[in-house]
């Protein structure tokens, strides 16, 4: 008797839908940031920074995971990991730099939060993508860049939001999307399903 066995890895299918889907995932930022502001108001303490980070990070994590799970074998752990790391990043940034919304403290807090999120997500990408350090780096830089664009756009920063505005979110999605598309294309052979193997009994 002959039996067929197939290794069911996730393949990088649907290349043409990547950019529309990743672009739509930007909605996690205004949804998460808006929810955090409605529930907590301005971030003025370490405690509110941690809670706001968890709320906003959950929405962002869900939006990202819904796109990435179609291209990579990622578990739903991506969502709580993103929420937890954003909570830690925002709380640490607030503890170190306070709630000043001038340029330097804003950007440094962005780097701290981005580094926490990027490092955690990169840990989940180990064994999924061969170059997770690249993802950690680009998330760190793009998070600070998101705040830079938001500040330049004249967003009301004294409201002390948990995350940057729509203009910053779109910038973040563009930068991370370019790197992600490159990583997926570069590692396409490793992500493709293994050919079926025949077992003869």
Foldseek 3Di string as FASTA:
>chain_A
DKDKDWFDFQAQPDPVCQVVLLLVLLVLQCVLQVVLCVVPWADQALVSLLVSLLSSQLSSQVSVCVRVVNHWVADSVSRNLSSNLLSVLRSVLCVVQNQDLDLPSLLVSQLSSQLSNLVSVLVRCVVTFPCSVVSSVLSSVLSSVLSVQQVVVPPPCVRHISGGDSRSSSSSSVSSSVVVSVRSVVCRVVRDIDDMDMDDD
